Amino acid sequence: MSQPTKFMVKFNLTENFTEAQYDLVPQQRMMVGEFFSEGKLASYTLSLEYGKLWAVINAGSVMEVVELINKLPLTQYMQYKIYPLSFHQTMENSTMTFSLN
């Protein structure tokens, strides 16, 4: 079985968050936590200063990515673009392991 492909999703947040949107933040964070624990999400980064959000998603296809991000409560208030990645390296997967031998 092949390893899932990684996709970068760049979200543009709405200019002015409404009270109703702020009320969805706890649900959004809960879903993000679930996606991390299920291995569907590799990273999730929010920049309030610029109204941008980036996520790296593990999925087999763009359609799987769309299905996943449509489960997030705040997606309906964002525009997004999906980019297939050649690779995604983080500190976690590049940390050296030491042998006690």
Protein backbone atom coordinates (compact mmCIF):
# COMPACT_ATOMS: atom_id res chain seq x y z
CA MET A 1 0.00 0.00 0.00
CA SER A 2 1.43 3.38 -0.98
CA GLN A 3 1.98 6.17 1.49
CA PRO A 4 -0.51 9.06 1.34
CA THR A 5 0.47 12.13 -0.60
CA LYS A 6 0.94 15.41 1.22
CA PHE A 7 -0.94 18.53 0.23
CA MET A 8 -0.44 22.12 1.37
CA VAL A 9 -3.70 24.02 1.77
CA LYS A 10 -3.46 27.79 1.91
CA PHE A 11 -6.55 29.44 3.41
CA ASN A 12 -7.46 33.12 3.24
CA LEU A 13 -9.53 34.19 6.22
CA THR A 14 -12.37 36.67 5.95
CA GLU A 15 -11.49 40.28 6.67
CA ASN A 16 -13.75 40.73 9.70
CA PHE A 17 -14.50 37.75 11.87
CA THR A 18 -18.04 37.82 13.20
CA GLU A 19 -19.10 36.71 16.67
CA ALA A 20 -20.66 33.60 15.08
CA GLN A 21 -17.31 32.73 13.51
CA TYR A 22 -15.47 33.19 16.83
CA ASP A 23 -18.01 30.85 18.41
CA LEU A 24 -16.89 28.11 15.97
CA VAL A 25 -13.20 28.34 16.97
CA PRO A 26 -13.44 25.70 19.77
CA GLN A 27 -15.10 23.25 17.35
CA GLN A 28 -12.42 24.02 14.74
CA ARG A 29 -9.64 23.35 17.26
CA MET A 30 -11.28 20.09 18.34
CA MET A 31 -11.49 18.87 14.72
CA VAL A 32 -7.87 19.89 14.10
CA GLY A 33 -6.84 17.87 17.17
CA GLU A 34 -8.76 14.86 15.88
CA PHE A 35 -7.13 15.15 12.44
CA PHE A 36 -3.68 15.25 14.08
CA SER A 37 -4.42 12.18 16.20
CA GLU A 38 -5.71 10.31 13.14
CA GLY A 39 -2.57 11.21 11.15
CA LYS A 40 -4.56 13.20 8.59
CA LEU A 41 -2.93 16.50 9.47
CA ALA A 42 0.85 17.02 9.45
CA SER A 43 0.87 20.72 10.34
CA TYR A 44 -1.51 23.61 10.95
CA THR A 45 -0.31 27.22 11.10
CA LEU A 46 -2.32 30.39 11.63
CA SER A 47 -1.13 33.96 11.12
CA LEU A 48 -3.71 36.37 12.48
CA GLU A 49 -1.65 39.34 11.38
CA TYR A 50 -2.04 38.48 7.72
CA GLY A 51 -5.32 36.53 7.79
CA LYS A 52 -3.69 33.37 6.49
CA LEU A 53 -3.80 29.75 7.55
CA TRP A 54 -1.69 26.91 6.18
CA ALA A 55 -2.24 23.20 6.66
CA VAL A 56 -0.32 20.17 5.43
CA ILE A 57 -2.69 17.27 4.95
CA ASN A 58 -1.96 13.57 4.39
CA ALA A 59 -4.41 12.24 1.81
CA GLY A 60 -4.55 9.98 -1.21
CA SER A 61 -6.12 12.57 -3.53
CA VAL A 62 -7.24 16.19 -3.83
CA MET A 63 -10.82 14.98 -3.36
CA GLU A 64 -9.89 13.48 0.02
CA VAL A 65 -8.34 16.83 0.98
CA VAL A 66 -11.52 18.69 -0.01
CA GLU A 67 -13.68 16.23 1.97
CA LEU A 68 -11.44 16.64 5.01
CA ILE A 69 -11.31 20.44 5.03
CA ASN A 70 -15.05 20.67 4.42
CA LYS A 71 -15.48 18.98 7.83
CA LEU A 72 -13.83 21.97 9.49
CA PRO A 73 -16.50 24.41 10.78
CA LEU A 74 -14.68 27.56 9.63
CA THR A 75 -13.94 26.44 6.07
CA GLN A 76 -17.24 27.91 4.89
CA TYR A 77 -15.85 31.36 5.79
CA MET A 78 -12.52 30.92 3.98
CA GLN A 79 -11.21 30.68 0.47
CA TYR A 80 -8.53 28.06 -0.08
CA LYS A 81 -6.16 26.64 -2.64
CA ILE A 82 -4.64 23.14 -2.58
CA TYR A 83 -1.04 22.44 -3.61
CA PRO A 84 0.34 18.88 -4.00
CA LEU A 85 3.76 18.65 -2.31
CA SER A 86 6.87 16.84 -3.47
CA PHE A 87 7.95 16.44 0.16
CA HIS A 88 7.33 17.97 3.57
CA GLN A 89 10.09 17.91 6.14
CA THR A 90 9.70 18.99 9.73
CA MET A 91 11.93 18.93 12.76
CA GLU A 92 10.00 15.92 14.07
CA ASN A 93 10.77 13.74 11.07
CA SER A 94 14.38 14.90 10.71
CA THR A 95 15.49 14.56 14.34
CA MET A 96 18.40 12.19 14.81
CA THR A 97 17.94 9.24 17.10
CA PHE A 98 20.74 8.23 19.44
CA SER A 99 21.78 4.74 20.32
CA LEU A 100 22.64 3.90 23.90
CA ASN A 101 25.13 1.23 22.73
